[in-house]
């Protein structure tokens, strides 16, 4: 992986030297090179009210993104790590203004003052959050907004017609699998095929607790829905994985307050029949006349922060013996699906961060070289395109997507082994070789050598179609790379 990003850096350096006398092109190349040293850019996309801002807050573990439907939710917003909280609006093309962070009705918001969303190009948010050290997260407006201009901002950021994507990877939130969702994912896929889009796309069945109407088995229902969505998307290859997440529960758990824990303990001690009757609906639960040992205002706060599903789950866990707030928070986070999502993000994006950033930088550099032609630029561009076509990590990522479209015609067990060896489930040697995590280096080397031989034999099978044979050749290169790494 380091070889790919080192190659990208050398090509950026060559282009910088080529454009020594062209300040405009040189500045564009400079910004392209800086992208290689930035954290990975992950965009959150999805339809209106899919829960993007809530999921962002849950991933970061802090309430930093406004979730109410104000002007700020109609603007592409970049969240980066900074020494202190600050919000800057970029507007009217080349202007900038500091935006105050305020609390309205207990919710965080950004005060635009006299600015309106249609004038703001983007918001840059810096926040001292540890989770932003590795990833810059970009919150985008809903792709099915009633305002076409609002939806177009997301499309322009992720799949611009005349530039490289602003994101290295995408987390796409689904509430249903609508035609608008598949159309948008298809547009991302087309951009990837045209060498201009993000190579990584993960699907999230968001607000998963609502699928089961807040019942205790809601997340089980959501897992079934996620499996169905994954099956549908597998036919098209539009997502690398689909995960159900109850974003509101995850955020509430990660920011659980001691006063909220005390209120949940009190509810757990209430007569079960009184609590069950009160929780028939959210309106009923917050009514002042409900005979519960927690006041109506506190109950309303719990419903707002956790939803009825989260309250039911927390009360059940407390009754089963969870007796302190950190333990309850851990249990709720695990059951929200957030841990599974983070594991998928680490496997699909985190382990391949250098590859994804190198791909974005090379695509951007190719466009700069095309837009500013010189005799030397053409030679560099040829090297850029050769790297994009030949870099093995890029070939693995493209194959992962196309495998989900079932373009690889192999028996299911061989398809599963192929997915592992090219890194679809994680980048460590044991995972890729299908070995026990505690396998010794000797066992891993033996497994890697066996994988090289197996995939080499399969790649030359006379009955394989051309694409499947090529996929097997990618697996050979992957196994050889694992073996070389173990030997080193």
Protein backbone atom coordinates (compact mmCIF):
# COMPACT_ATOMS: atom_id res chain seq x y z
CA UNK A 1 0.00 0.00 0.00
CA UNK A 2 2.81 2.43 0.85
CA UNK A 3 4.28 1.83 -2.62
CA UNK A 4 1.07 3.14 -4.23
CA UNK A 5 0.96 6.33 -2.18
CA UNK A 6 4.72 6.84 -2.67
CA UNK A 7 4.20 6.51 -6.41
CA UNK A 8 1.39 9.09 -6.23
CA UNK A 9 3.68 11.47 -4.34
CA UNK A 10 6.44 11.12 -6.94
CA UNK A 11 4.01 11.87 -9.77
CA UNK A 12 2.69 14.92 -7.89
CA UNK A 13 6.29 16.12 -7.45
CA UNK A 14 6.96 15.66 -11.18
CA UNK A 15 3.85 17.66 -12.06
CA UNK A 16 4.81 20.41 -9.60
CA UNK A 17 8.18 20.74 -11.33
CA UNK A 18 6.53 20.69 -14.78
CA UNK A 19 4.29 23.61 -13.82
CA UNK A 20 6.99 25.72 -12.14
CA UNK A 21 6.12 28.66 -14.42
CA UNK A 22 2.32 28.21 -14.23
CA UNK A 23 1.09 29.39 -10.79
CA UNK A 24 -2.52 28.29 -11.36
CA UNK A 25 -1.65 24.72 -12.33
CA UNK A 26 1.09 24.52 -9.70
CA UNK A 27 -1.37 25.54 -6.95
CA UNK A 28 -3.85 22.88 -8.12
CA UNK A 29 -1.09 20.26 -8.03
CA UNK A 30 -0.02 21.46 -4.58
CA UNK A 31 -3.58 20.98 -3.24
CA UNK A 32 -3.68 17.55 -4.88
CA UNK A 33 -0.49 16.54 -3.07
CA UNK A 34 -1.79 17.84 0.26
CA UNK A 35 -4.75 15.48 -0.08
CA UNK A 36 -2.36 12.54 0.26
CA UNK A 37 -1.36 13.70 3.75
CA UNK A 38 -4.88 14.53 4.95
CA UNK A 39 -7.13 12.12 6.87
CA UNK A 40 -9.35 9.95 4.69
CA UNK A 41 -12.45 11.82 3.45
CA UNK A 42 -15.66 9.88 4.15
CA UNK A 43 -18.93 11.38 2.91
CA UNK A 44 -22.29 10.59 4.50
CA UNK A 45 -25.03 10.61 1.86
CA UNK A 46 -28.64 9.50 1.64
CA UNK A 47 -32.20 10.70 1.29
CA UNK A 48 -33.79 13.49 3.31
CA UNK A 49 -34.17 12.64 7.04
CA UNK A 50 -32.17 9.42 6.64
CA UNK A 51 -30.31 10.21 9.88
CA UNK A 52 -26.93 11.33 8.48
CA UNK A 53 -26.21 13.98 11.10
CA UNK A 54 -27.31 11.68 13.94
CA UNK A 55 -25.00 8.92 12.64
CA UNK A 56 -22.14 11.41 12.32
CA UNK A 57 -22.59 12.44 15.95
CA UNK A 58 -22.69 8.77 16.99
CA UNK A 59 -19.50 7.95 15.08
CA UNK A 60 -17.67 10.93 16.60
CA UNK A 61 -19.16 10.35 20.05
CA UNK A 62 -20.09 14.01 20.48
CA UNK A 63 -23.02 16.23 19.58
CA UNK A 64 -21.26 18.29 16.88
CA UNK A 65 -23.63 18.14 13.87
CA UNK A 66 -27.02 19.91 13.88
CA UNK A 67 -29.87 17.43 13.45
CA UNK A 68 -32.79 19.85 13.20
CA UNK A 69 -34.07 20.90 9.77
CA UNK A 70 -32.40 24.33 9.65
CA UNK A 71 -30.34 26.08 6.97
CA UNK A 72 -27.20 24.17 7.96
CA UNK A 73 -28.69 20.79 6.97
CA UNK A 74 -29.04 22.11 3.39
CA UNK A 75 -25.29 22.76 3.05
CA UNK A 76 -22.36 20.38 2.46
CA UNK A 77 -20.47 20.45 5.79
CA UNK A 78 -16.90 19.27 6.36
CA UNK A 79 -15.93 18.07 9.85
CA UNK A 80 -12.19 18.08 10.62
CA UNK A 81 -10.19 17.79 13.81
CA UNK A 82 -9.17 21.14 15.31
CA UNK A 83 -7.79 22.52 18.56
CA UNK A 84 -11.08 24.31 19.39
CA UNK A 85 -14.62 24.29 17.98
CA UNK A 86 -15.02 26.66 15.04
CA UNK A 87 -17.39 26.92 12.06
CA UNK A 88 -16.52 28.81 8.87
CA UNK A 89 -18.95 29.49 6.04
CA UNK A 90 -17.54 29.70 2.52
CA UNK A 91 -20.01 31.78 0.53
CA UNK A 92 -20.49 33.86 -2.61
CA UNK A 93 -17.57 32.11 -4.30
CA UNK A 94 -14.56 33.52 -2.42
CA UNK A 95 -15.82 34.92 0.88
CA UNK A 96 -15.57 33.45 4.38
CA UNK A 97 -17.26 34.21 7.70
CA UNK A 98 -17.15 32.70 11.18
CA UNK A 99 -20.50 31.14 12.18
CA UNK A 100 -21.50 31.02 15.88
CA UNK A 101 -22.35 27.65 17.45
CA UNK A 102 -25.59 27.97 19.45
CA UNK A 103 -28.09 25.82 21.37
CA UNK A 104 -31.76 26.06 20.42
CA UNK A 105 -34.27 24.12 22.50
CA UNK A 106 -31.39 22.03 23.81
CA UNK A 107 -30.11 21.18 20.31
CA UNK A 108 -26.85 22.28 18.75
CA UNK A 109 -27.15 24.53 15.71
CA UNK A 110 -25.10 26.97 13.63
CA UNK A 111 -26.32 30.59 13.43
CA UNK A 112 -26.14 31.77 9.81
CA UNK A 113 -27.16 35.30 10.74
CA UNK A 114 -28.05 37.15 7.54
CA UNK A 115 -26.63 34.39 5.32
CA UNK A 116 -28.95 31.90 3.62
CA UNK A 117 -28.14 28.35 2.55
CA UNK A 118 -28.38 29.20 -1.15
CA UNK A 119 -25.43 31.61 -0.75
CA UNK A 120 -23.22 29.21 1.23
CA UNK A 121 -20.95 26.92 -0.81
CA UNK A 122 -19.88 24.82 2.19
CA UNK A 123 -19.29 24.86 5.93
CA UNK A 124 -15.90 23.97 7.43
CA UNK A 125 -16.22 22.71 11.01
CA UNK A 126 -13.15 22.13 13.19
CA UNK A 127 -13.76 20.22 16.42
CA UNK A 128 -11.41 18.66 19.02
CA UNK A 129 -12.74 15.14 18.52
CA UNK A 130 -10.36 12.17 18.54
CA UNK A 131 -12.46 10.32 15.95
CA UNK A 132 -11.68 13.06 13.41
CA UNK A 133 -7.92 12.45 13.60
CA UNK A 134 -8.12 9.57 11.10
CA UNK A 135 -11.13 10.64 9.05
CA UNK A 136 -12.59 13.87 7.76
CA UNK A 137 -16.37 13.35 7.64
CA UNK A 138 -18.48 15.22 5.10
CA UNK A 139 -22.20 15.56 5.89
CA UNK A 140 -24.23 16.12 2.71
CA UNK A 141 -27.80 17.36 2.13
CA UNK A 142 -30.51 14.81 1.34
CA UNK A 143 -30.38 13.46 -2.19
CA UNK A 144 -34.20 13.46 -2.44
CA UNK A 145 -34.69 16.99 -1.15
CA UNK A 146 -37.71 18.88 -2.43
CA UNK A 147 -35.24 21.52 -3.58
CA UNK A 148 -33.35 20.31 -6.63
CA UNK A 149 -30.54 22.77 -5.89
CA UNK A 150 -30.00 21.16 -2.46
CA UNK A 151 -29.76 17.64 -3.93
CA UNK A 152 -27.44 18.88 -6.67
CA UNK A 153 -24.96 20.09 -4.05
CA UNK A 154 -24.49 16.53 -2.89
CA UNK A 155 -24.14 15.24 -6.44
CA UNK A 156 -21.69 18.01 -7.33
CA UNK A 157 -19.54 17.13 -4.33
CA UNK A 158 -19.54 13.35 -4.83
CA UNK A 159 -19.86 12.94 -8.61
CA UNK A 160 -18.92 16.22 -10.33
CA UNK A 161 -19.08 16.30 -14.11
CA UNK A 162 -15.75 18.08 -14.62
CA UNK A 163 -13.66 17.19 -11.56
CA UNK A 164 -12.70 14.34 -9.26
CA UNK A 165 -14.94 13.44 -6.35
CA UNK A 166 -14.47 15.40 -3.14
CA UNK A 167 -14.69 12.16 -1.12
CA UNK A 168 -12.44 9.10 -0.95
CA UNK A 169 -15.26 6.85 0.31
CA UNK A 170 -19.03 7.03 0.89
CA UNK A 171 -21.40 5.79 3.59
CA UNK A 172 -24.88 5.78 2.03
CA UNK A 173 -27.87 5.73 4.40
CA UNK A 174 -31.02 3.88 3.34
CA UNK A 175 -34.43 3.91 5.00
CA UNK A 176 -35.99 2.03 2.11
CA UNK A 177 -34.46 0.85 -1.13
CA UNK A 178 -36.10 3.33 -3.48
CA UNK A 179 -35.51 4.09 -7.14
CA UNK A 180 -33.89 7.38 -6.06
CA UNK A 181 -31.39 5.44 -3.90
CA UNK A 182 -30.41 2.98 -6.64
CA UNK A 183 -30.17 5.81 -9.18
CA UNK A 184 -27.83 7.79 -6.94
CA UNK A 185 -25.71 4.73 -6.11
CA UNK A 186 -25.61 3.94 -9.82
CA UNK A 187 -24.28 7.42 -10.50
CA UNK A 188 -21.51 6.87 -7.96
CA UNK A 189 -20.78 3.50 -9.58
CA UNK A 190 -20.60 5.11 -13.03
CA UNK A 191 -18.17 7.70 -11.66
CA UNK A 192 -15.97 4.90 -10.29
CA UNK A 193 -16.06 3.11 -13.61
CA UNK A 194 -15.06 6.34 -15.29
CA UNK A 195 -12.12 6.65 -12.89
CA UNK A 196 -13.52 9.75 -11.17
CA UNK A 197 -15.56 8.48 -8.21
CA UNK A 198 -14.82 7.12 -4.72
CA UNK A 199 -13.83 3.45 -4.77
CA UNK A 200 -15.46 2.56 -1.45
CA UNK A 201 -19.23 2.61 -0.81
CA UNK A 202 -20.88 1.17 2.33
CA UNK A 203 -24.66 1.01 2.77
CA UNK A 204 -26.34 1.62 6.15
CA UNK A 205 -29.97 0.74 6.93
CA UNK A 206 -30.44 3.81 9.10
CA UNK A 207 -32.94 4.43 11.89
CA UNK A 208 -33.05 0.65 12.16
CA UNK A 209 -35.07 0.69 15.39
CA UNK A 210 -38.01 2.25 13.51
CA UNK A 211 -38.27 -0.75 11.17
CA UNK A 212 -39.76 -2.81 13.98
CA UNK A 213 -41.87 0.11 15.26
CA UNK A 214 -39.64 0.38 18.34
CA UNK A 215 -40.30 -3.21 19.48
CA UNK A 216 -37.59 -5.16 21.32
CA UNK A 217 -36.99 -7.25 18.19
CA UNK A 218 -36.60 -4.14 16.01
CA UNK A 219 -32.92 -4.70 15.23
CA UNK A 220 -33.57 -8.32 14.28
CA UNK A 221 -36.13 -7.03 11.78
CA UNK A 222 -33.58 -4.46 10.61
CA UNK A 223 -30.97 -7.17 10.04
CA UNK A 224 -33.44 -9.02 7.83
CA UNK A 225 -34.11 -5.82 5.90
CA UNK A 226 -30.36 -5.14 5.57
CA UNK A 227 -29.85 -8.67 4.22
CA UNK A 228 -32.62 -8.09 1.68
CA UNK A 229 -31.17 -4.74 0.63
CA UNK A 230 -27.72 -6.32 0.39
CA UNK A 231 -29.15 -9.05 -1.83
CA UNK A 232 -30.77 -6.47 -4.11
CA UNK A 233 -27.64 -4.32 -4.25
CA UNK A 234 -25.49 -7.42 -4.79
CA UNK A 235 -27.09 -7.80 -8.20
CA UNK A 236 -25.76 -4.39 -9.17
CA UNK A 237 -22.49 -4.24 -7.23
CA UNK A 238 -23.40 -0.79 -5.89
CA UNK A 239 -22.31 -1.33 -2.23
CA UNK A 240 -19.46 -3.24 -0.62
CA UNK A 241 -21.58 -4.05 2.47
CA UNK A 242 -24.92 -3.14 4.06
CA UNK A 243 -25.20 -2.73 7.87
CA UNK A 244 -28.26 -1.89 10.05
CA UNK A 245 -27.69 0.87 12.65
CA UNK A 246 -30.02 2.53 15.17
CA UNK A 247 -28.30 5.90 15.02
CA UNK A 248 -30.36 7.62 17.73
CA UNK A 249 -29.70 4.78 20.19
CA UNK A 250 -25.99 4.79 19.32
CA UNK A 251 -25.69 8.54 19.90
CA UNK A 252 -27.66 8.40 23.15
CA UNK A 253 -25.48 5.54 24.40
CA UNK A 254 -22.18 7.22 23.50
CA UNK A 255 -23.25 10.42 25.29
CA UNK A 256 -25.19 8.81 28.16
CA UNK A 257 -25.49 11.13 31.17
CA UNK A 258 -25.57 9.98 34.79
CA UNK A 259 -28.93 11.71 35.31
CA UNK A 260 -30.36 9.74 32.37
CA UNK A 261 -29.01 6.50 33.78
CA UNK A 262 -30.66 7.29 37.13
CA UNK A 263 -33.98 7.95 35.38
CA UNK A 264 -33.72 4.66 33.46
CA UNK A 265 -33.00 2.80 36.72
CA UNK A 266 -36.11 4.37 38.25
CA UNK A 267 -38.20 3.27 35.26
CA UNK A 268 -36.77 -0.26 35.55
CA UNK A 269 -37.96 -0.35 39.17
CA UNK A 270 -41.48 0.77 38.22
CA UNK A 271 -44.28 -1.85 38.08
CA UNK A 272 -43.89 -3.56 34.68
CA UNK A 273 -47.59 -3.22 33.86
CA UNK A 274 -47.48 0.58 34.44
CA UNK A 275 -44.41 0.99 32.23
CA UNK A 276 -45.79 -1.25 29.47
CA UNK A 277 -49.04 0.70 29.40
CA UNK A 278 -47.19 4.04 29.29
CA UNK A 279 -44.95 2.88 26.43
CA UNK A 280 -47.73 2.00 24.03
CA UNK A 281 -46.81 5.24 22.22
CA UNK A 282 -44.41 8.15 22.58
CA UNK A 283 -47.27 10.58 23.24
CA UNK A 284 -48.57 8.36 26.03
CA UNK A 285 -45.11 7.91 27.57
CA UNK A 286 -44.58 11.66 28.07
CA UNK A 287 -48.06 12.41 29.45
CA UNK A 288 -47.93 14.03 32.93
CA UNK A 289 -50.68 11.76 34.27
CA UNK A 290 -48.72 8.52 33.71
CA UNK A 291 -48.09 6.79 37.11
CA UNK A 292 -44.30 6.53 36.67
CA UNK A 293 -41.49 7.43 39.14
CA UNK A 294 -39.90 9.86 36.63
CA UNK A 295 -41.35 13.31 35.86
CA UNK A 296 -42.86 14.02 32.45
CA UNK A 297 -40.11 16.46 31.38
CA UNK A 298 -37.37 13.90 32.05
CA UNK A 299 -39.36 11.22 30.21
CA UNK A 300 -39.71 13.54 27.22
CA UNK A 301 -35.93 14.04 27.24
CA UNK A 302 -35.34 10.27 27.31
CA UNK A 303 -37.76 9.73 24.42
CA UNK A 304 -36.02 12.45 22.41
CA UNK A 305 -32.54 11.07 23.10
CA UNK A 306 -33.15 7.31 22.92
CA UNK A 307 -36.54 6.67 21.34
CA UNK A 308 -38.97 4.12 22.76
CA UNK A 309 -36.83 1.24 21.48
CA UNK A 310 -33.77 2.55 23.33
CA UNK A 311 -35.73 3.05 26.55
CA UNK A 312 -37.21 -0.47 26.38
CA UNK A 313 -33.78 -1.95 25.72
CA UNK A 314 -32.08 0.03 28.49
CA UNK A 315 -34.78 -0.91 31.03
CA UNK A 316 -34.51 -4.58 30.06
CA UNK A 317 -30.70 -4.54 30.42
CA UNK A 318 -30.94 -2.86 33.83
CA UNK A 319 -33.49 -5.45 35.00
CA UNK A 320 -31.10 -8.17 33.80
CA UNK A 321 -28.31 -6.86 36.02
CA UNK A 322 -26.57 -3.93 34.31
CA UNK A 323 -26.00 -1.64 37.27
CA UNK A 324 -23.70 1.19 36.19
CA UNK A 325 -23.78 3.78 33.47
CA UNK A 326 -20.55 2.81 31.55
CA UNK A 327 -21.68 -0.83 31.32
CA UNK A 328 -25.13 0.20 30.08
CA UNK A 329 -23.57 2.53 27.49
CA UNK A 330 -21.36 -0.29 26.17
CA UNK A 331 -24.31 -2.70 25.93
CA UNK A 332 -26.48 -0.15 24.11
CA UNK A 333 -23.73 0.80 21.64
CA UNK A 334 -23.13 -2.86 20.81
CA UNK A 335 -26.84 -3.50 20.25
CA UNK A 336 -27.29 -0.33 18.19
CA UNK A 337 -25.18 -1.79 15.36
CA UNK A 338 -22.60 1.02 15.64
CA UNK A 339 -19.77 -1.35 16.60
CA UNK A 340 -20.48 -3.53 13.55
CA UNK A 341 -20.48 -0.45 11.31
CA UNK A 342 -17.16 0.74 12.73
CA UNK A 343 -15.65 -2.70 12.16
CA UNK A 344 -16.84 -2.62 8.53
CA UNK A 345 -15.49 0.92 8.09
CA UNK A 346 -12.12 -0.13 9.51
CA UNK A 347 -11.95 -3.20 7.26
CA UNK A 348 -13.18 -1.51 4.07
CA UNK A 349 -11.83 2.02 4.49
CA UNK A 350 -9.40 2.29 7.40
CA UNK A 351 -7.11 -0.55 6.27
CA UNK A 352 -7.13 0.84 2.72
CA UNK A 353 -6.89 4.53 3.54
CA UNK A 354 -3.63 5.02 1.63
CA UNK A 355 -5.03 3.28 -1.44
CA UNK A 356 -8.24 5.30 -1.40
CA UNK A 357 -6.39 8.61 -0.94
CA UNK A 358 -3.87 7.72 -3.65
CA UNK A 359 -6.70 6.89 -6.05
CA UNK A 360 -8.42 10.24 -5.39
CA UNK A 361 -5.17 12.17 -5.78
CA UNK A 362 -4.21 10.42 -9.02
CA UNK A 363 -7.64 11.00 -10.55
CA UNK A 364 -7.40 14.68 -9.59
CA UNK A 365 -3.86 14.93 -10.97
CA UNK A 366 -4.95 13.35 -14.25
CA UNK A 367 -7.60 16.05 -14.68
CA UNK A 368 -5.11 18.84 -13.90
CA UNK A 369 -2.66 17.48 -16.46
CA UNK A 370 -5.46 17.26 -19.02
CA UNK A 371 -6.63 20.83 -18.36
CA UNK A 372 -3.11 22.30 -18.50
CA UNK A 373 -1.41 20.54 -21.43
CA UNK A 374 2.34 20.78 -21.95
CA UNK A 375 4.74 18.33 -23.65
CA UNK A 376 5.97 17.11 -20.25
CA UNK A 377 2.45 16.94 -18.81
CA UNK A 378 1.41 14.30 -21.34
CA UNK A 379 4.24 12.01 -20.27
CA UNK A 380 3.30 12.39 -16.59
CA UNK A 381 -0.37 11.80 -17.45
CA UNK A 382 0.55 8.54 -19.18
CA UNK A 383 2.30 7.40 -15.98
CA UNK A 384 -0.69 8.46 -13.87
CA UNK A 385 -3.11 6.43 -16.00
CA UNK A 386 -0.76 3.46 -16.00
CA UNK A 387 -0.64 3.58 -12.19
CA UNK A 388 -4.43 3.84 -11.94
CA UNK A 389 -4.80 0.81 -14.22
CA UNK A 390 -2.01 -1.32 -12.75
CA UNK A 391 -1.94 -0.59 -9.01
CA UNK A 392 -2.99 -3.87 -7.47
CA UNK A 393 -4.92 -2.32 -4.59
CA UNK A 394 -7.15 -0.49 -7.07
CA UNK A 395 -7.75 -3.74 -8.96
CA UNK A 396 -8.77 -5.43 -5.69
CA UNK A 397 -11.22 -2.66 -4.81
CA UNK A 398 -12.84 -2.70 -8.25
CA UNK A 399 -13.11 -6.48 -8.15
CA UNK A 400 -14.79 -6.38 -4.71
CA UNK A 401 -17.55 -4.23 -6.18
CA UNK A 402 -17.98 -6.32 -9.30
CA UNK A 403 -18.05 -9.57 -7.31
CA UNK A 404 -21.18 -8.35 -5.59
CA UNK A 405 -22.75 -8.03 -9.02
CA UNK A 406 -21.94 -11.74 -9.45
CA UNK A 407 -19.82 -11.15 -12.51
CA UNK A 408 -17.33 -13.70 -11.15
CA UNK A 409 -18.65 -17.12 -12.17
CA UNK A 410 -17.28 -19.47 -9.54
CA UNK A 411 -18.92 -21.87 -7.04
CA UNK A 412 -20.04 -20.09 -3.84
CA UNK A 413 -17.22 -21.48 -1.70
CA UNK A 414 -14.60 -20.33 -4.22
CA UNK A 415 -16.25 -16.91 -4.52
CA UNK A 416 -16.11 -16.59 -0.72
CA UNK A 417 -12.42 -17.54 -0.69
CA UNK A 418 -11.73 -15.06 -3.50
CA UNK A 419 -13.47 -12.27 -1.58
CA UNK A 420 -11.32 -13.02 1.46
CA UNK A 421 -7.98 -13.11 -0.31
CA UNK A 422 -8.56 -9.78 -2.09
CA UNK A 423 -9.40 -8.12 1.24
CA UNK A 424 -13.20 -7.80 1.18
CA UNK A 425 -13.43 -8.73 4.89
CA UNK A 426 -10.21 -7.17 6.17
CA UNK A 427 -6.57 -6.65 5.25
CA UNK A 428 -4.69 -8.71 7.84
CA UNK A 429 -3.04 -11.90 6.57
CA UNK A 430 -5.06 -14.30 8.76
CA UNK A 431 -8.41 -12.90 7.58
CA UNK A 432 -7.39 -12.87 3.92
CA UNK A 433 -6.16 -16.46 4.07
CA UNK A 434 -9.15 -17.72 6.06
CA UNK A 435 -6.91 -18.75 8.97
CA UNK A 436 -7.41 -18.62 12.72
CA UNK A 437 -6.44 -15.16 14.13
CA UNK A 438 -3.88 -16.90 16.36
CA UNK A 439 -2.22 -18.83 13.51
CA UNK A 440 1.58 -18.85 13.61
CA UNK A 441 3.70 -17.16 10.94
CA UNK A 442 4.69 -20.58 9.64
CA UNK A 443 1.03 -21.60 9.28
CA UNK A 444 0.25 -18.32 7.53
CA UNK A 445 3.15 -18.76 5.08
CA UNK A 446 1.98 -22.28 4.26
CA UNK A 447 -1.57 -21.02 3.71
CA UNK A 448 -0.33 -18.13 1.53
CA UNK A 449 1.78 -20.48 -0.61
CA UNK A 450 -1.18 -22.84 -0.98
CA UNK A 451 -3.37 -19.88 -2.00
CA UNK A 452 -0.88 -18.81 -4.67
CA UNK A 453 -0.86 -22.32 -6.15
CA UNK A 454 -4.64 -22.73 -5.92
CA UNK A 455 -5.50 -19.43 -7.60
CA UNK A 456 -2.80 -19.83 -10.22
CA UNK A 457 -4.27 -23.20 -11.18
CA UNK A 458 -7.80 -21.80 -11.27
CA UNK A 459 -6.78 -18.81 -13.39
CA UNK A 460 -5.63 -21.13 -16.18
CA UNK A 461 -8.73 -23.36 -16.20
CA UNK A 462 -9.81 -23.64 -19.85
CA UNK A 463 -13.55 -23.35 -19.11
CA UNK A 464 -13.40 -20.02 -17.26
CA UNK A 465 -14.72 -16.91 -18.97
CA UNK A 466 -12.23 -14.09 -19.47
CA UNK A 467 -13.42 -11.91 -16.57
CA UNK A 468 -13.44 -14.77 -14.04
CA UNK A 469 -9.95 -15.82 -15.15
CA UNK A 470 -8.80 -12.23 -14.68
CA UNK A 471 -10.36 -12.21 -11.19
CA UNK A 472 -8.40 -15.34 -10.32
CA UNK A 473 -5.23 -13.64 -11.55
CA UNK A 474 -5.94 -10.75 -9.17
CA UNK A 475 -6.24 -13.34 -6.38
CA UNK A 476 -2.85 -14.77 -7.39
CA UNK A 477 -1.25 -11.32 -7.08
CA UNK A 478 -2.98 -10.78 -3.73
CA UNK A 479 -1.75 -14.12 -2.36
CA UNK A 480 1.76 -13.41 -3.64
CA UNK A 481 1.67 -10.04 -1.89
CA UNK A 482 0.61 -11.65 1.38
CA UNK A 483 3.38 -14.24 1.05
CA UNK A 484 5.97 -11.55 0.32
CA UNK A 485 4.82 -9.56 3.35
CA UNK A 486 5.12 -12.60 5.61
CA UNK A 487 8.57 -13.37 4.24
CA UNK A 488 9.71 -9.84 5.03
